């Protein structure tokens, strides 16, 4: 049997988990992201590049074209 619950907030989520644990019912949580997985991958790759120091800083007093020379 499968039961799917959609708690509206963290308080409801915690209550449901507590009840299931108290009844010794196995369950699994699925965290769904509102973002496209490909987009998340690209963002994470970009963050990794920044952490490595692979980025440029633009001077706000110059145009974009002057900054990339």
C-alpha atoms as a PDB file:
ATOM      1  CA  UNK A   1       0.000   0.000   0.000  1.00  0.00           C
ATOM      2  CA  UNK A   2       1.192   3.529  -0.751  1.00  0.00           C
ATOM      3  CA  UNK A   3       0.035   6.654   1.043  1.00  0.00           C
ATOM      4  CA  UNK A   4       1.068  10.075  -0.206  1.00  0.00           C
ATOM      5  CA  UNK A   5       0.785  13.096   2.091  1.00  0.00           C
ATOM      6  CA  UNK A   6       1.328  16.736   1.165  1.00  0.00           C
ATOM      7  CA  UNK A   7       2.072  18.710   4.347  1.00  0.00           C
ATOM      8  CA  UNK A   8       1.570  22.450   3.997  1.00  0.00           C
ATOM      9  CA  UNK A   9       4.420  23.451   6.313  1.00  0.00           C
ATOM     10  CA  UNK A  10       7.341  22.126   8.370  1.00  0.00           C
ATOM     11  CA  UNK A  11       5.160  21.702  11.475  1.00  0.00           C
ATOM     12  CA  UNK A  12       2.806  19.339   9.636  1.00  0.00           C
ATOM     13  CA  UNK A  13       5.756  17.514   8.110  1.00  0.00           C
ATOM     14  CA  UNK A  14       7.304  16.944  11.535  1.00  0.00           C
ATOM     15  CA  UNK A  15       3.989  15.730  12.974  1.00  0.00           C
ATOM     16  CA  UNK A  16       3.497  13.223  10.153  1.00  0.00           C
ATOM     17  CA  UNK A  17       7.046  11.934  10.566  1.00  0.00           C
ATOM     18  CA  UNK A  18       6.584  11.585  14.336  1.00  0.00           C
ATOM     19  CA  UNK A  19       3.355   9.608  13.896  1.00  0.00           C
ATOM     20  CA  UNK A  20       4.895   7.283  11.308  1.00  0.00           C
ATOM     21  CA  UNK A  21       7.954   6.692  13.504  1.00  0.00           C
ATOM     22  CA  UNK A  22       5.749   6.046  16.566  1.00  0.00           C
ATOM     23  CA  UNK A  23       3.781   3.461  14.579  1.00  0.00           C
ATOM     24  CA  UNK A  24       7.025   1.918  13.264  1.00  0.00           C
ATOM     25  CA  UNK A  25       5.981   2.610   9.671  1.00  0.00           C
ATOM     26  CA  UNK A  26       8.787   2.870   7.152  1.00  0.00           C
ATOM     27  CA  UNK A  27       8.626   5.931   4.947  1.00  0.00           C
ATOM     28  CA  UNK A  28      10.707   7.960   2.551  1.00  0.00           C
ATOM     29  CA  UNK A  29      10.737  11.655   1.832  1.00  0.00           C
ATOM     30  CA  UNK A  30      11.131  13.071  -1.640  1.00  0.00           C
ATOM     31  CA  UNK A  31      12.407  16.597  -1.895  1.00  0.00           C
ATOM     32  CA  UNK A  32      11.332  18.066  -5.204  1.00  0.00           C
ATOM     33  CA  UNK A  33      13.118  21.141  -6.412  1.00  0.00           C
ATOM     34  CA  UNK A  34      11.142  23.758  -8.314  1.00  0.00           C
ATOM     35  CA  UNK A  35      14.180  24.163 -10.582  1.00  0.00           C
ATOM     36  CA  UNK A  36      15.078  22.275 -13.729  1.00  0.00           C
ATOM     37  CA  UNK A  37      17.825  19.725 -12.845  1.00  0.00           C
ATOM     38  CA  UNK A  38      19.956  20.853 -15.807  1.00  0.00           C
ATOM     39  CA  UNK A  39      19.804  24.444 -14.553  1.00  0.00           C
ATOM     40  CA  UNK A  40      20.830  23.346 -11.045  1.00  0.00           C
ATOM     41  CA  UNK A  41      23.807  21.463 -12.528  1.00  0.00           C
ATOM     42  CA  UNK A  42      24.944  24.542 -14.472  1.00  0.00           C
ATOM     43  CA  UNK A  43      24.644  26.772 -11.399  1.00  0.00           C
ATOM     44  CA  UNK A  44      26.587  24.295  -9.241  1.00  0.00           C
ATOM     45  CA  UNK A  45      29.336  24.067 -11.871  1.00  0.00           C
ATOM     46  CA  UNK A  46      29.555  27.855 -11.982  1.00  0.00           C
ATOM     47  CA  UNK A  47      29.803  28.069  -8.188  1.00  0.00           C
ATOM     48  CA  UNK A  48      32.624  25.526  -8.264  1.00  0.00           C
ATOM     49  CA  UNK A  49      34.481  27.663 -10.825  1.00  0.00           C
ATOM     50  CA  UNK A  50      34.105  30.745  -8.602  1.00  0.00           C
ATOM     51  CA  UNK A  51      35.458  28.810  -5.612  1.00  0.00           C
ATOM     52  CA  UNK A  52      38.493  27.890  -7.732  1.00  0.00           C
ATOM     53  CA  UNK A  53      38.999  31.588  -8.447  1.00  0.00           C
ATOM     54  CA  UNK A  54      38.079  31.265 -12.107  1.00  0.00           C
ATOM     55  CA  UNK A  55      36.158  34.525 -12.604  1.00  0.00           C
ATOM     56  CA  UNK A  56      36.664  38.148 -13.580  1.00  0.00           C
ATOM     57  CA  UNK A  57      35.604  41.316 -11.802  1.00  0.00           C
ATOM     58  CA  UNK A  58      34.120  44.146 -13.832  1.00  0.00           C
ATOM     59  CA  UNK A  59      34.856  47.797 -13.169  1.00  0.00           C
ATOM     60  CA  UNK A  60      31.479  49.560 -12.784  1.00  0.00           C
ATOM     61  CA  UNK A  61      32.989  52.767 -14.158  1.00  0.00           C
ATOM     62  CA  UNK A  62      33.727  51.131 -17.521  1.00  0.00           C
ATOM     63  CA  UNK A  63      31.460  49.681 -20.181  1.00  0.00           C
ATOM     64  CA  UNK A  64      31.205  45.929 -20.548  1.00  0.00           C
ATOM     65  CA  UNK A  65      33.307  46.113 -23.712  1.00  0.00           C
ATOM     66  CA  UNK A  66      36.051  48.065 -21.948  1.00  0.00           C
ATOM     67  CA  UNK A  67      36.057  45.497 -19.124  1.00  0.00           C
ATOM     68  CA  UNK A  68      36.616  42.491 -21.405  1.00  0.00           C
ATOM     69  CA  UNK A  69      39.601  43.902 -23.324  1.00  0.00           C
END
